[in-house]
Amino acid sequence: MDESSAITAFAALSQPTRLAVVRLLIQSGADGMPAGQIAERLGVVQNTLSVHLSLLSSAGLIRAERQGRIIIYSADMAGMRALIGFLLQDCCGGRPETCAPFLNQLTCAC
């Protein structure tokens, strides 16, 4: 991930509803959720949610898959990994033992 893409992703995450959407979709796993269910769970009007979903998709943080008449949204884990990788690419000045507690927490969180 380059700096411009990281800035776009962070900008998308810097709004409370969009951050809540990403967190909810990460929790929902690979199955994802339809927009209506996301709106209901977060108490967001669907047309407002549509704008948020579009921004998150453009930032590479979520993906949309059409299943008939319904669009299922899920976290784009490759995009999330790229963003986290961007943050950690120079982690601890080449001393991985310093980062070990943090990295262990990341890998064991699931």
PDB file of N, CA and C in Angstrom:
ATOM      1  N   MET A   1       0.850  -1.172   0.000  1.00  0.00           N
ATOM      2  CA  MET A   1       0.000   0.000   0.000  1.00  0.00           C
ATOM      3  C   MET A   1       0.891   1.228   0.000  1.00  0.00           C
ATOM      4  N   ASP A   2       0.550   2.190  -0.841  1.00  0.00           N
ATOM      5  CA  ASP A   2       1.321   3.428  -0.870  1.00  0.00           C
ATOM      6  C   ASP A   2       0.710   4.457   0.085  1.00  0.00           C
ATOM      7  N   GLU A   3       1.410   5.541   0.284  1.00  0.00           N
ATOM      8  CA  GLU A   3       0.986   6.562   1.241  1.00  0.00           C
ATOM      9  C   GLU A   3      -0.375   7.157   0.882  1.00  0.00           C
ATOM     10  N   SER A   4      -0.603   7.416  -0.394  1.00  0.00           N
ATOM     11  CA  SER A   4      -1.868   7.994  -0.826  1.00  0.00           C
ATOM     12  C   SER A   4      -3.048   7.080  -0.508  1.00  0.00           C
ATOM     13  N   SER A   5      -2.882   5.785  -0.747  1.00  0.00           N
ATOM     14  CA  SER A   5      -3.939   4.819  -0.440  1.00  0.00           C
ATOM     15  C   SER A   5      -4.172   4.727   1.068  1.00  0.00           C
ATOM     16  N   ALA A   6      -3.108   4.782   1.841  1.00  0.00           N
ATOM     17  CA  ALA A   6      -3.236   4.732   3.301  1.00  0.00           C
ATOM     18  C   ALA A   6      -3.989   5.960   3.810  1.00  0.00           C
ATOM     19  N   ILE A   7      -3.678   7.120   3.268  1.00  0.00           N
ATOM     20  CA  ILE A   7      -4.369   8.349   3.679  1.00  0.00           C
ATOM     21  C   ILE A   7      -5.852   8.257   3.347  1.00  0.00           C
ATOM     22  N   THR A   8      -6.180   7.717   2.170  1.00  0.00           N
ATOM     23  CA  THR A   8      -7.578   7.540   1.786  1.00  0.00           C
ATOM     24  C   THR A   8      -8.283   6.600   2.754  1.00  0.00           C
ATOM     25  N   ALA A   9      -7.625   5.504   3.115  1.00  0.00           N
ATOM     26  CA  ALA A   9      -8.217   4.540   4.045  1.00  0.00           C
ATOM     27  C   ALA A   9      -8.414   5.160   5.423  1.00  0.00           C
ATOM     28  N   PHE A  10      -7.421   5.869   5.908  1.00  0.00           N
ATOM     29  CA  PHE A  10      -7.557   6.508   7.223  1.00  0.00           C
ATOM     30  C   PHE A  10      -8.635   7.582   7.208  1.00  0.00           C
ATOM     31  N   ALA A  11      -8.746   8.314   6.118  1.00  0.00           N
ATOM     32  CA  ALA A  11      -9.805   9.327   6.003  1.00  0.00           C
ATOM     33  C   ALA A  11     -11.176   8.654   6.055  1.00  0.00           C
ATOM     34  N   ALA A  12     -11.302   7.514   5.394  1.00  0.00           N
ATOM     35  CA  ALA A  12     -12.574   6.791   5.413  1.00  0.00           C
ATOM     36  C   ALA A  12     -12.902   6.314   6.825  1.00  0.00           C
ATOM     37  N   LEU A  13     -11.900   5.899   7.568  1.00  0.00           N
ATOM     38  CA  LEU A  13     -12.109   5.400   8.927  1.00  0.00           C
ATOM     39  C   LEU A  13     -12.280   6.507   9.964  1.00  0.00           C
ATOM     40  N   SER A  14     -12.040   7.754   9.571  1.00  0.00           N
ATOM     41  CA  SER A  14     -12.040   8.847  10.540  1.00  0.00           C
ATOM     42  C   SER A  14     -13.435   9.382  10.858  1.00  0.00           C
ATOM     43  N   GLN A  15     -14.471   8.713  10.387  1.00  0.00           N
ATOM     44  CA  GLN A  15     -15.847   9.122  10.656  1.00  0.00           C
ATOM     45  C   GLN A  15     -16.510   8.013  11.479  1.00  0.00           C
ATOM     46  N   PRO A  16     -17.232   8.356  12.543  1.00  0.00           N
ATOM     47  CA  PRO A  16     -17.751   7.338  13.462  1.00  0.00           C
ATOM     48  C   PRO A  16     -18.621   6.256  12.814  1.00  0.00           C
ATOM     49  N   THR A  17     -19.517   6.622  11.923  1.00  0.00           N
ATOM     50  CA  THR A  17     -20.379   5.608  11.309  1.00  0.00           C
ATOM     51  C   THR A  17     -19.569   4.656  10.438  1.00  0.00           C
ATOM     52  N   ARG A  18     -18.636   5.201   9.662  1.00  0.00           N
ATOM     53  CA  ARG A  18     -17.825   4.339   8.803  1.00  0.00           C
ATOM     54  C   ARG A  18     -16.946   3.410   9.630  1.00  0.00           C
ATOM     55  N   LEU A  19     -16.397   3.911  10.708  1.00  0.00           N
ATOM     56  CA  LEU A  19     -15.602   3.051  11.590  1.00  0.00           C
ATOM     57  C   LEU A  19     -16.479   1.941  12.171  1.00  0.00           C
ATOM     58  N   ALA A  20     -17.691   2.284  12.571  1.00  0.00           N
ATOM     59  CA  ALA A  20     -18.616   1.286  13.109  1.00  0.00           C
ATOM     60  C   ALA A  20     -18.976   0.242  12.050  1.00  0.00           C
ATOM     61  N   VAL A  21     -19.152   0.671  10.803  1.00  0.00           N
ATOM     62  CA  VAL A  21     -19.454  -0.265   9.716  1.00  0.00           C
ATOM     63  C   VAL A  21     -18.316  -1.260   9.550  1.00  0.00           C
ATOM     64  N   VAL A  22     -17.093  -0.763   9.501  1.00  0.00           N
ATOM     65  CA  VAL A  22     -15.940  -1.652   9.316  1.00  0.00           C
ATOM     66  C   VAL A  22     -15.833  -2.635  10.471  1.00  0.00           C
ATOM     67  N   ARG A  23     -15.984  -2.150  11.677  1.00  0.00           N
ATOM     68  CA  ARG A  23     -15.899  -3.041  12.839  1.00  0.00           C
ATOM     69  C   ARG A  23     -17.000  -4.102  12.803  1.00  0.00           C
ATOM     70  N   LEU A  24     -18.213  -3.700  12.429  1.00  0.00           N
ATOM     71  CA  LEU A  24     -19.321  -4.643  12.332  1.00  0.00           C
ATOM     72  C   LEU A  24     -19.059  -5.692  11.253  1.00  0.00           C
ATOM     73  N   LEU A  25     -18.545  -5.256  10.118  1.00  0.00           N
ATOM     74  CA  LEU A  25     -18.278  -6.202   9.037  1.00  0.00           C
ATOM     75  C   LEU A  25     -17.120  -7.136   9.370  1.00  0.00           C
ATOM     76  N   ILE A  26     -16.151  -6.661  10.104  1.00  0.00           N
ATOM     77  CA  ILE A  26     -15.072  -7.553  10.561  1.00  0.00           C
ATOM     78  C   ILE A  26     -15.659  -8.612  11.488  1.00  0.00           C
ATOM     79  N   GLN A  27     -16.570  -8.207  12.369  1.00  0.00           N
ATOM     80  CA  GLN A  27     -17.209  -9.152  13.286  1.00  0.00           C
ATOM     81  C   GLN A  27     -18.063 -10.172  12.543  1.00  0.00           C
ATOM     82  N   SER A  28     -18.677  -9.740  11.442  1.00  0.00           N
ATOM     83  CA  SER A  28     -19.578 -10.640  10.713  1.00  0.00           C
ATOM     84  C   SER A  28     -18.830 -11.694   9.911  1.00  0.00           C
ATOM     85  N   GLY A  29     -17.539 -11.514   9.720  1.00  0.00           N
ATOM     86  CA  GLY A  29     -16.731 -12.507   9.031  1.00  0.00           C
ATOM     87  C   GLY A  29     -16.980 -12.555   7.535  1.00  0.00           C
ATOM     88  N   ALA A  30     -16.631 -13.675   6.940  1.00  0.00           N
ATOM     89  CA  ALA A  30     -16.696 -13.830   5.488  1.00  0.00           C
ATOM     90  C   ALA A  30     -18.120 -13.790   4.956  1.00  0.00           C
ATOM     91  N   ASP A  31     -19.112 -14.106   5.788  1.00  0.00           N
ATOM     92  CA  ASP A  31     -20.500 -14.090   5.336  1.00  0.00           C
ATOM     93  C   ASP A  31     -20.990 -12.682   5.027  1.00  0.00           C
ATOM     94  N   GLY A  32     -20.447 -11.695   5.713  1.00  0.00           N
ATOM     95  CA  GLY A  32     -20.849 -10.317   5.484  1.00  0.00           C
ATOM     96  C   GLY A  32     -22.282 -10.049   5.887  1.00  0.00           C
ATOM     97  N   MET A  33     -22.803  -8.909   5.406  1.00  0.00           N
ATOM     98  CA  MET A  33     -24.164  -8.501   5.752  1.00  0.00           C
ATOM     99  C   MET A  33     -24.750  -7.672   4.622  1.00  0.00           C
ATOM    100  N   PRO A  34     -26.065  -7.775   4.432  1.00  0.00           N
ATOM    101  CA  PRO A  34     -26.702  -6.877   3.473  1.00  0.00           C
ATOM    102  C   PRO A  34     -26.799  -5.460   4.066  1.00  0.00           C
ATOM    103  N   ALA A  35     -26.885  -4.482   3.197  1.00  0.00           N
ATOM    104  CA  ALA A  35     -26.920  -3.082   3.627  1.00  0.00           C
ATOM    105  C   ALA A  35     -28.053  -2.816   4.617  1.00  0.00           C
ATOM    106  N   GLY A  36     -29.216  -3.390   4.368  1.00  0.00           N
ATOM    107  CA  GLY A  36     -30.353  -3.168   5.263  1.00  0.00           C
ATOM    108  C   GLY A  36     -30.084  -3.629   6.682  1.00  0.00           C
ATOM    109  N   GLN A  37     -29.405  -4.738   6.813  1.00  0.00           N
ATOM    110  CA  GLN A  37     -29.071  -5.265   8.137  1.00  0.00           C
ATOM    111  C   GLN A  37     -28.024  -4.382   8.818  1.00  0.00           C
ATOM    112  N   ILE A  38     -27.064  -3.892   8.032  1.00  0.00           N
ATOM    113  CA  ILE A  38     -26.062  -2.980   8.592  1.00  0.00           C
ATOM    114  C   ILE A  38     -26.752  -1.724   9.106  1.00  0.00           C
ATOM    115  N   ALA A  39     -27.638  -1.159   8.289  1.00  0.00           N
ATOM    116  CA  ALA A  39     -28.360   0.057   8.665  1.00  0.00           C
ATOM    117  C   ALA A  39     -29.161  -0.158   9.944  1.00  0.00           C
ATOM    118  N   GLU A  40     -29.834  -1.294  10.026  1.00  0.00           N
ATOM    119  CA  GLU A  40     -30.641  -1.602  11.201  1.00  0.00           C
ATOM    120  C   GLU A  40     -29.781  -1.752  12.451  1.00  0.00           C
ATOM    121  N   ARG A  41     -28.692  -2.501  12.333  1.00  0.00           N
ATOM    122  CA  ARG A  41     -27.815  -2.744  13.491  1.00  0.00           C
ATOM    123  C   ARG A  41     -27.186  -1.457  14.010  1.00  0.00           C
ATOM    124  N   LEU A  42     -26.862  -0.536  13.082  1.00  0.00           N
ATOM    125  CA  LEU A  42     -26.185   0.691  13.485  1.00  0.00           C
ATOM    126  C   LEU A  42     -27.130   1.875  13.659  1.00  0.00           C
ATOM    127  N   GLY A  43     -28.394   1.696  13.315  1.00  0.00           N
ATOM    128  CA  GLY A  43     -29.361   2.781  13.448  1.00  0.00           C
ATOM    129  C   GLY A  43     -29.089   3.929  12.487  1.00  0.00           C
ATOM    130  N   VAL A  44     -28.740   3.571  11.251  1.00  0.00           N
ATOM    131  CA  VAL A  44     -28.397   4.563  10.232  1.00  0.00           C
ATOM    132  C   VAL A  44     -29.424   4.480   9.106  1.00  0.00           C
ATOM    133  N   VAL A  45     -29.827   5.637   8.592  1.00  0.00           N
ATOM    134  CA  VAL A  45     -30.741   5.683   7.456  1.00  0.00           C
ATOM    135  C   VAL A  45     -30.034   5.073   6.243  1.00  0.00           C
ATOM    136  N   GLN A  46     -30.763   4.259   5.463  1.00  0.00           N
ATOM    137  CA  GLN A  46     -30.134   3.507   4.376  1.00  0.00           C
ATOM    138  C   GLN A  46     -29.475   4.389   3.322  1.00  0.00           C
ATOM    139  N   ASN A  47     -30.088   5.516   2.957  1.00  0.00           N
ATOM    140  CA  ASN A  47     -29.437   6.336   1.929  1.00  0.00           C
ATOM    141  C   ASN A  47     -28.156   6.984   2.445  1.00  0.00           C
ATOM    142  N   THR A  48     -28.107   7.291   3.720  1.00  0.00           N
ATOM    143  CA  THR A  48     -26.870   7.804   4.321  1.00  0.00           C
ATOM    144  C   THR A  48     -25.827   6.699   4.369  1.00  0.00           C
ATOM    145  N   LEU A  49     -26.262   5.500   4.735  1.00  0.00           N
ATOM    146  CA  LEU A  49     -25.349   4.362   4.798  1.00  0.00           C
ATOM    147  C   LEU A  49     -24.736   4.087   3.428  1.00  0.00           C
ATOM    148  N   SER A  50     -25.505   4.249   2.384  1.00  0.00           N
ATOM    149  CA  SER A  50     -25.027   3.999   1.027  1.00  0.00           C
ATOM    150  C   SER A  50     -23.791   4.832   0.709  1.00  0.00           C
ATOM    151  N   VAL A  51     -23.807   6.087   1.126  1.00  0.00           N
ATOM    152  CA  VAL A  51     -22.647   6.967   0.910  1.00  0.00           C
ATOM    153  C   VAL A  51     -21.442   6.441   1.681  1.00  0.00           C
ATOM    154  N   HIS A  52     -21.666   6.051   2.922  1.00  0.00           N
ATOM    155  CA  HIS A  52     -20.569   5.524   3.740  1.00  0.00           C
ATOM    156  C   HIS A  52     -19.996   4.241   3.134  1.00  0.00           C
ATOM    157  N   LEU A  53     -20.869   3.349   2.686  1.00  0.00           N
ATOM    158  CA  LEU A  53     -20.408   2.097   2.088  1.00  0.00           C
ATOM    159  C   LEU A  53     -19.590   2.356   0.829  1.00  0.00           C
ATOM    160  N   SER A  54     -20.009   3.317   0.042  1.00  0.00           N
ATOM    161  CA  SER A  54     -19.284   3.661  -1.176  1.00  0.00           C
ATOM    162  C   SER A  54     -17.879   4.175  -0.862  1.00  0.00           C
ATOM    163  N   LEU A  55     -17.763   5.037   0.139  1.00  0.00           N
ATOM    164  CA  LEU A  55     -16.448   5.565   0.525  1.00  0.00           C
ATOM    165  C   LEU A  55     -15.532   4.466   1.057  1.00  0.00           C
ATOM    166  N   LEU A  56     -16.087   3.580   1.868  1.00  0.00           N
ATOM    167  CA  LEU A  56     -15.282   2.485   2.410  1.00  0.00           C
ATOM    168  C   LEU A  56     -14.840   1.522   1.321  1.00  0.00           C
ATOM    169  N   SER A  57     -15.717   1.290   0.353  1.00  0.00           N
ATOM    170  CA  SER A  57     -15.371   0.427  -0.766  1.00  0.00           C
ATOM    171  C   SER A  57     -14.273   1.061  -1.614  1.00  0.00           C
ATOM    172  N   SER A  58     -14.401   2.349  -1.885  1.00  0.00           N
ATOM    173  CA  SER A  58     -13.381   3.072  -2.671  1.00  0.00           C
ATOM    174  C   SER A  58     -12.032   3.076  -1.973  1.00  0.00           C
ATOM    175  N   ALA A  59     -12.056   3.057  -0.640  1.00  0.00           N
ATOM    176  CA  ALA A  59     -10.821   3.049   0.145  1.00  0.00           C
ATOM    177  C   ALA A  59     -10.211   1.659   0.244  1.00  0.00           C
ATOM    178  N   GLY A  60     -10.902   0.645  -0.277  1.00  0.00           N
ATOM    179  CA  GLY A  60     -10.374  -0.719  -0.244  1.00  0.00           C
ATOM    180  C   GLY A  60     -10.537  -1.419   1.085  1.00  0.00           C
ATOM    181  N   LEU A  61     -11.481  -0.947   1.910  1.00  0.00           N
ATOM    182  CA  LEU A  61     -11.662  -1.532   3.234  1.00  0.00           C
ATOM    183  C   LEU A  61     -12.827  -2.504   3.316  1.00  0.00           C
ATOM    184  N   ILE A  62     -13.772  -2.374   2.397  1.00  0.00           N
ATOM    185  CA  ILE A  62     -14.881  -3.320   2.334  1.00  0.00           C
ATOM    186  C   ILE A  62     -15.089  -3.717   0.877  1.00  0.00           C
ATOM    187  N   ARG A  63     -15.829  -4.791   0.691  1.00  0.00           N
ATOM    188  CA  ARG A  63     -16.175  -5.219  -0.668  1.00  0.00           C
ATOM    189  C   ARG A  63     -17.662  -5.515  -0.716  1.00  0.00           C
ATOM    190  N   ALA A  64     -18.199  -5.422  -1.912  1.00  0.00           N
ATOM    191  CA  ALA A  64     -19.622  -5.680  -2.137  1.00  0.00           C
ATOM    192  C   ALA A  64     -19.769  -6.807  -3.140  1.00  0.00           C
ATOM    193  N   GLU A  65     -20.688  -7.721  -2.847  1.00  0.00           N
ATOM    194  CA  GLU A  65     -20.950  -8.831  -3.751  1.00  0.00           C
ATOM    195  C   GLU A  65     -22.456  -8.947  -3.949  1.00  0.00           C
ATOM    196  N   ARG A  66     -22.866  -8.841  -5.191  1.00  0.00           N
ATOM    197  CA  ARG A  66     -24.297  -8.954  -5.497  1.00  0.00           C
ATOM    198  C   ARG A  66     -24.711 -10.417  -5.453  1.00  0.00           C
ATOM    199  N   GLN A  67     -25.784 -10.673  -4.713  1.00  0.00           N
ATOM    200  CA  GLN A  67     -26.386 -12.005  -4.648  1.00  0.00           C
ATOM    201  C   GLN A  67     -27.861 -11.833  -4.999  1.00  0.00           C
ATOM    202  N   GLY A  68     -28.150 -11.951  -6.288  1.00  0.00           N
ATOM    203  CA  GLY A  68     -29.508 -11.700  -6.756  1.00  0.00           C
ATOM    204  C   GLY A  68     -29.819 -10.213  -6.645  1.00  0.00           C
ATOM    205  N   ARG A  69     -30.849  -9.888  -5.886  1.00  0.00           N
ATOM    206  CA  ARG A  69     -31.250  -8.485  -5.718  1.00  0.00           C
ATOM    207  C   ARG A  69     -30.585  -7.820  -4.515  1.00  0.00           C
ATOM    208  N   ILE A  70     -29.832  -8.601  -3.762  1.00  0.00           N
ATOM    209  CA  ILE A  70     -29.219  -8.099  -2.526  1.00  0.00           C
ATOM    210  C   ILE A  70     -27.723  -7.935  -2.717  1.00  0.00           C
ATOM    211  N   ILE A  71     -27.177  -6.881  -2.135  1.00  0.00           N
ATOM    212  CA  ILE A  71     -25.731  -6.696  -2.122  1.00  0.00           C
ATOM    213  C   ILE A  71     -25.240  -7.014  -0.719  1.00  0.00           C
ATOM    214  N   ILE A  72     -24.298  -7.931  -0.652  1.00  0.00           N
ATOM    215  CA  ILE A  72     -23.709  -8.338   0.622  1.00  0.00           C
ATOM    216  C   ILE A  72     -22.367  -7.626   0.769  1.00  0.00           C
ATOM    217  N   TYR A  73     -22.194  -6.952   1.890  1.00  0.00           N
ATOM    218  CA  TYR A  73     -20.949  -6.240   2.177  1.00  0.00           C
ATOM    219  C   TYR A  73     -20.145  -7.033   3.193  1.00  0.00           C
ATOM    220  N   SER A  74     -18.844  -7.046   2.998  1.00  0.00           N
ATOM    221  CA  SER A  74     -17.947  -7.705   3.949  1.00  0.00           C
ATOM    222  C   SER A  74     -16.652  -6.906   4.031  1.00  0.00           C
ATOM    223  N   ALA A  75     -15.936  -7.123   5.110  1.00  0.00           N
ATOM    224  CA  ALA A  75     -14.633  -6.463   5.266  1.00  0.00           C
ATOM    225  C   ALA A  75     -13.684  -7.012   4.208  1.00  0.00           C
ATOM    226  N   ASP A  76     -12.923  -6.144   3.604  1.00  0.00           N
ATOM    227  CA  ASP A  76     -11.891  -6.567   2.649  1.00  0.00           C
ATOM    228  C   ASP A  76     -10.620  -6.801   3.462  1.00  0.00           C
ATOM    229  N   MET A  77     -10.436  -8.049   3.851  1.00  0.00           N
ATOM    230  CA  MET A  77      -9.321  -8.356   4.744  1.00  0.00           C
ATOM    231  C   MET A  77      -7.971  -8.113   4.078  1.00  0.00           C
ATOM    232  N   ALA A  78      -7.882  -8.257   2.771  1.00  0.00           N
ATOM    233  CA  ALA A  78      -6.626  -7.946   2.080  1.00  0.00           C
ATOM    234  C   ALA A  78      -6.329  -6.452   2.198  1.00  0.00           C
ATOM    235  N   GLY A  79      -7.343  -5.633   2.061  1.00  0.00           N
ATOM    236  CA  GLY A  79      -7.172  -4.190   2.221  1.00  0.00           C
ATOM    237  C   GLY A  79      -6.789  -3.825   3.646  1.00  0.00           C
ATOM    238  N   MET A  80      -7.419  -4.501   4.614  1.00  0.00           N
ATOM    239  CA  MET A  80      -7.094  -4.242   6.019  1.00  0.00           C
ATOM    240  C   MET A  80      -5.651  -4.655   6.318  1.00  0.00           C
ATOM    241  N   ARG A  81      -5.251  -5.826   5.790  1.00  0.00           N
ATOM    242  CA  ARG A  81      -3.863  -6.280   5.988  1.00  0.00           C
ATOM    243  C   ARG A  81      -2.878  -5.295   5.364  1.00  0.00           C
ATOM    244  N   ALA A  82      -3.224  -4.781   4.189  1.00  0.00           N
ATOM    245  CA  ALA A  82      -2.341  -3.824   3.524  1.00  0.00           C
ATOM    246  C   ALA A  82      -2.194  -2.555   4.352  1.00  0.00           C
ATOM    247  N   LEU A  83      -3.287  -2.094   4.946  1.00  0.00           N
ATOM    248  CA  LEU A  83      -3.234  -0.885   5.768  1.00  0.00           C
ATOM    249  C   LEU A  83      -2.402  -1.118   7.033  1.00  0.00           C
ATOM    250  N   ILE A  84      -2.634  -2.235   7.687  1.00  0.00           N
ATOM    251  CA  ILE A  84      -1.847  -2.563   8.883  1.00  0.00           C
ATOM    252  C   ILE A  84      -0.381  -2.764   8.505  1.00  0.00           C
ATOM    253  N   GLY A  85      -0.147  -3.420   7.379  1.00  0.00           N
ATOM    254  CA  GLY A  85       1.226  -3.609   6.896  1.00  0.00           C
ATOM    255  C   GLY A  85       1.919  -2.290   6.624  1.00  0.00           C
ATOM    256  N   PHE A  86       1.177  -1.331   6.067  1.00  0.00           N
ATOM    257  CA  PHE A  86       1.734  -0.001   5.818  1.00  0.00           C
ATOM    258  C   PHE A  86       2.193   0.627   7.138  1.00  0.00           C
ATOM    259  N   LEU A  87       1.372   0.501   8.174  1.00  0.00           N
ATOM    260  CA  LEU A  87       1.724   1.074   9.473  1.00  0.00           C
ATOM    261  C   LEU A  87       2.932   0.392  10.095  1.00  0.00           C
ATOM    262  N   LEU A  88       3.057  -0.903   9.858  1.00  0.00           N
ATOM    263  CA  LEU A  88       4.087  -1.682  10.542  1.00  0.00           C
ATOM    264  C   LEU A  88       5.321  -1.971   9.703  1.00  0.00           C
ATOM    265  N   GLN A  89       5.390  -1.437   8.489  1.00  0.00           N
ATOM    266  CA  GLN A  89       6.492  -1.829   7.606  1.00  0.00           C
ATOM    267  C   GLN A  89       7.868  -1.501   8.171  1.00  0.00           C
ATOM    268  N   ASP A  90       7.960  -0.497   8.990  1.00  0.00           N
ATOM    269  CA  ASP A  90       9.243  -0.151   9.600  1.00  0.00           C
ATOM    270  C   ASP A  90       9.199  -0.385  11.109  1.00  0.00           C
ATOM    271  N   CYS A  91       8.425  -1.347  11.520  1.00  0.00           N
ATOM    272  CA  CYS A  91       8.171  -1.594  12.936  1.00  0.00           C
ATOM    273  C   CYS A  91       9.463  -1.801  13.734  1.00  0.00           C
ATOM    274  N   CYS A  92       9.585  -1.036  14.769  1.00  0.00           N
ATOM    275  CA  CYS A  92      10.605  -1.226  15.797  1.00  0.00           C
ATOM    276  C   CYS A  92      12.036  -1.106  15.283  1.00  0.00           C
ATOM    277  N   GLY A  93      12.246  -0.387  14.202  1.00  0.00           N
ATOM    278  CA  GLY A  93      13.592  -0.144  13.707  1.00  0.00           C
ATOM    279  C   GLY A  93      14.386  -1.412  13.454  1.00  0.00           C
ATOM    280  N   GLY A  94      13.722  -2.449  12.963  1.00  0.00           N
ATOM    281  CA  GLY A  94      14.431  -3.687  12.652  1.00  0.00           C
ATOM    282  C   GLY A  94      14.659  -4.594  13.846  1.00  0.00           C
ATOM    283  N   ARG A  95      14.031  -4.284  14.958  1.00  0.00           N
ATOM    284  CA  ARG A  95      14.152  -5.129  16.155  1.00  0.00           C
ATOM    285  C   ARG A  95      12.810  -5.811  16.422  1.00  0.00           C
ATOM    286  N   PRO A  96      12.544  -6.922  15.761  1.00  0.00           N
ATOM    287  CA  PRO A  96      11.230  -7.562  15.871  1.00  0.00           C
ATOM    288  C   PRO A  96      10.857  -7.964  17.293  1.00  0.00           C
ATOM    289  N   GLU A  97      11.836  -8.215  18.132  1.00  0.00           N
ATOM    290  CA  GLU A  97      11.510  -8.603  19.514  1.00  0.00           C
ATOM    291  C   GLU A  97      10.774  -7.480  20.244  1.00  0.00           C
ATOM    292  N   THR A  98      11.033  -6.242  19.875  1.00  0.00           N
ATOM    293  CA  THR A  98      10.350  -5.110  20.485  1.00  0.00           C
ATOM    294  C   THR A  98       8.881  -5.093  20.098  1.00  0.00           C
ATOM    295  N   CYS A  99       8.570  -5.522  18.881  1.00  0.00           N
ATOM    296  CA  CYS A  99       7.197  -5.530  18.370  1.00  0.00           C
ATOM    297  C   CYS A  99       6.446  -6.818  18.699  1.00  0.00           C
ATOM    298  N   ALA A 100       7.133  -7.818  19.204  1.00  0.00           N
ATOM    299  CA  ALA A 100       6.518  -9.130  19.406  1.00  0.00           C
ATOM    300  C   ALA A 100       5.212  -9.070  20.204  1.00  0.00           C
ATOM    301  N   PRO A 101       5.143  -8.351  21.322  1.00  0.00           N
ATOM    302  CA  PRO A 101       3.867  -8.336  22.062  1.00  0.00           C
ATOM    303  C   PRO A 101       2.707  -7.790  21.219  1.00  0.00           C
ATOM    304  N   PHE A 102       2.974  -6.752  20.479  1.00  0.00           N
ATOM    305  CA  PHE A 102       1.954  -6.166  19.628  1.00  0.00           C
ATOM    306  C   PHE A 102       1.543  -7.129  18.519  1.00  0.00           C
ATOM    307  N   LEU A 103       2.517  -7.727  17.843  1.00  0.00           N
ATOM    308  CA  LEU A 103       2.231  -8.643  16.748  1.00  0.00           C
ATOM    309  C   LEU A 103       1.513  -9.886  17.256  1.00  0.00           C
ATOM    310  N   ASN A 104       1.886 -10.377  18.433  1.00  0.00           N
ATOM    311  CA  ASN A 104       1.195 -11.531  19.021  1.00  0.00           C
ATOM    312  C   ASN A 104      -0.274 -11.209  19.293  1.00  0.00           C
ATOM    313  N   GLN A 105      -0.518 -10.004  19.764  1.00  0.00           N
ATOM    314  CA  GLN A 105      -1.896  -9.586  20.031  1.00  0.00           C
ATOM    315  C   GLN A 105      -2.702  -9.547  18.729  1.00  0.00           C
ATOM    316  N   LEU A 106      -2.095  -9.082  17.664  1.00  0.00           N
ATOM    317  CA  LEU A 106      -2.768  -9.039  16.368  1.00  0.00           C
ATOM    318  C   LEU A 106      -3.113 -10.444  15.874  1.00  0.00           C
ATOM    319  N   THR A 107      -2.189 -11.352  15.981  1.00  0.00           N
ATOM    320  CA  THR A 107      -2.395 -12.694  15.428  1.00  0.00           C
ATOM    321  C   THR A 107      -3.277 -13.548  16.336  1.00  0.00           C
ATOM    322  N   CYS A 108      -3.379 -13.196  17.595  1.00  0.00           N
ATOM    323  CA  CYS A 108      -4.166 -14.011  18.528  1.00  0.00           C
ATOM    324  C   CYS A 108      -5.528 -13.396  18.819  1.00  0.00           C
ATOM    325  N   ALA A 109      -5.825 -12.229  18.260  1.00  0.00           N
ATOM    326  CA  ALA A 109      -7.082 -11.542  18.565  1.00  0.00           C
ATOM    327  C   ALA A 109      -8.301 -12.322  18.113  1.00  0.00           C
ATOM    328  N   CYS A 110      -8.151 -13.123  17.065  1.00  0.00           N
ATOM    329  CA  CYS A 110      -9.311 -13.878  16.557  1.00  0.00           C
ATOM    330  C   CYS A 110      -9.449 -15.152  17.336  1.00  0.00           C
TER     331      CYS A 110
END
